[in-house]
C-alpha atoms as a PDB file:
ATOM      1  CA  MET A   1     -41.435  61.922   1.925  1.00  0.00           C
ATOM      2  CA  PHE A   2     -44.394  63.730   3.355  1.00  0.00           C
ATOM      3  CA  LYS A   3     -46.368  62.969   6.497  1.00  0.00           C
ATOM      4  CA  TYR A   4     -48.995  60.626   5.051  1.00  0.00           C
ATOM      5  CA  ASP A   5     -51.289  60.181   8.075  1.00  0.00           C
ATOM      6  CA  TRP A   6     -50.988  63.801   9.140  1.00  0.00           C
ATOM      7  CA  THR A   7     -51.894  65.006   5.650  1.00  0.00           C
ATOM      8  CA  LYS A   8     -54.989  62.806   5.510  1.00  0.00           C
ATOM      9  CA  ARG A   9     -56.144  64.038   8.944  1.00  0.00           C
ATOM     10  CA  ILE A  10     -55.742  67.674   7.896  1.00  0.00           C
ATOM     11  CA  VAL A  11     -57.641  67.072   4.648  1.00  0.00           C
ATOM     12  CA  ARG A  12     -60.506  65.437   6.533  1.00  0.00           C
ATOM     13  CA  ALA A  13     -60.633  68.327   9.021  1.00  0.00           C
ATOM     14  CA  VAL A  14     -60.695  70.945   6.260  1.00  0.00           C
ATOM     15  CA  PHE A  15     -63.401  69.129   4.330  1.00  0.00           C
ATOM     16  CA  ASN A  16     -65.475  68.710   7.511  1.00  0.00           C
ATOM     17  CA  LEU A  17     -65.367  72.482   7.931  1.00  0.00           C
ATOM     18  CA  LEU A  18     -66.328  72.962   4.291  1.00  0.00           C
ATOM     19  CA  GLY A  19     -69.172  70.477   4.711  1.00  0.00           C
ATOM     20  CA  ARG A  20     -70.797  72.759   7.276  1.00  0.00           C
ATOM     21  CA  HIS A  21     -71.055  75.610   4.774  1.00  0.00           C
ATOM     22  CA  LEU A  22     -71.454  73.858   1.429  1.00  0.00           C
ATOM     23  CA  ASN A  23     -73.446  70.929   0.104  1.00  0.00           C
ATOM     24  CA  PRO A  24     -72.265  67.940   2.221  1.00  0.00           C
ATOM     25  CA  ASP A  25     -72.650  65.447  -0.634  1.00  0.00           C
ATOM     26  CA  LYS A  26     -70.466  67.517  -2.938  1.00  0.00           C
ATOM     27  CA  VAL A  27     -67.866  68.049  -0.217  1.00  0.00           C
ATOM     28  CA  LEU A  28     -67.790  64.313   0.532  1.00  0.00           C
ATOM     29  CA  ALA A  29     -67.134  63.606  -3.155  1.00  0.00           C
ATOM     30  CA  TRP A  30     -64.278  66.166  -3.162  1.00  0.00           C
ATOM     31  CA  GLN A  31     -62.878  64.616   0.002  1.00  0.00           C
ATOM     32  CA  ASN A  32     -62.900  61.113  -1.484  1.00  0.00           C
ATOM     33  CA  ILE A  33     -61.163  62.329  -4.644  1.00  0.00           C
ATOM     34  CA  THR A  34     -58.522  64.170  -2.615  1.00  0.00           C
ATOM     35  CA  ILE A  35     -57.880  61.208  -0.297  1.00  0.00           C
ATOM     36  CA  THR A  36     -57.521  58.950  -3.347  1.00  0.00           C
ATOM     37  CA  LYS A  37     -54.965  61.334  -4.852  1.00  0.00           C
ATOM     38  CA  ILE A  38     -53.016  61.404  -1.582  1.00  0.00           C
ATOM     39  CA  ASP A  39     -53.028  57.595  -1.460  1.00  0.00           C
ATOM     40  CA  ASN A  40     -51.838  57.358  -5.070  1.00  0.00           C
ATOM     41  CA  PHE A  41     -49.099  59.929  -4.501  1.00  0.00           C
ATOM     42  CA  TYR A  42     -47.897  58.044  -1.421  1.00  0.00           C
ATOM     43  CA  GLU A  43     -47.902  54.706  -3.244  1.00  0.00           C
ATOM     44  CA  GLU A  44     -45.984  56.140  -6.225  1.00  0.00           C
ATOM     45  CA  GLY A  45     -43.457  57.663  -3.842  1.00  0.00           C
ATOM     46  CA  MET A  46     -42.925  54.339  -2.116  1.00  0.00           C
ATOM     47  CA  GLN A  47     -42.444  52.606  -5.489  1.00  0.00           C
ATOM     48  CA  LEU A  48     -39.866  55.212  -6.524  1.00  0.00           C
ATOM     49  CA  LYS A  49     -38.127  54.842  -3.187  1.00  0.00           C
ATOM     50  CA  ARG A  50     -37.909  51.061  -3.620  1.00  0.00           C
ATOM     51  CA  ALA A  51     -36.727  51.409  -7.222  1.00  0.00           C
ATOM     52  CA  GLY A  52     -34.117  53.958  -6.179  1.00  0.00           C
ATOM     53  CA  ARG A  53     -32.669  51.588  -3.617  1.00  0.00           C
ATOM     54  CA  LYS A  54     -32.418  48.845  -6.233  1.00  0.00           C
ATOM     55  CA  LEU A  55     -30.680  51.201  -8.640  1.00  0.00           C
ATOM     56  CA  LEU A  56     -28.207  52.284  -5.971  1.00  0.00           C
ATOM     57  CA  PHE A  57     -27.525  48.673  -5.050  1.00  0.00           C
ATOM     58  CA  PHE A  58     -26.773  47.630  -8.633  1.00  0.00           C
ATOM     59  CA  GLN A  59     -24.611  50.690  -9.332  1.00  0.00           C
ATOM     60  CA  ARG A  60     -22.133  49.557  -6.685  1.00  0.00           C
ATOM     61  CA  PHE A  61     -21.294  46.373  -8.574  1.00  0.00           C
END
């Protein structure tokens, strides 16, 4: 897995820097989209991890 909280903090820091030089409203929209994608990726990874454990458990029997 990846470092979920660390990744979100880095994304926020990068977009805060971009917000100083570009249109803040546009950067905020990009940030929200990116954070949503990170959340979805994390959730899908957790679902695959849970499903993988179930598959490993049933393969033993």
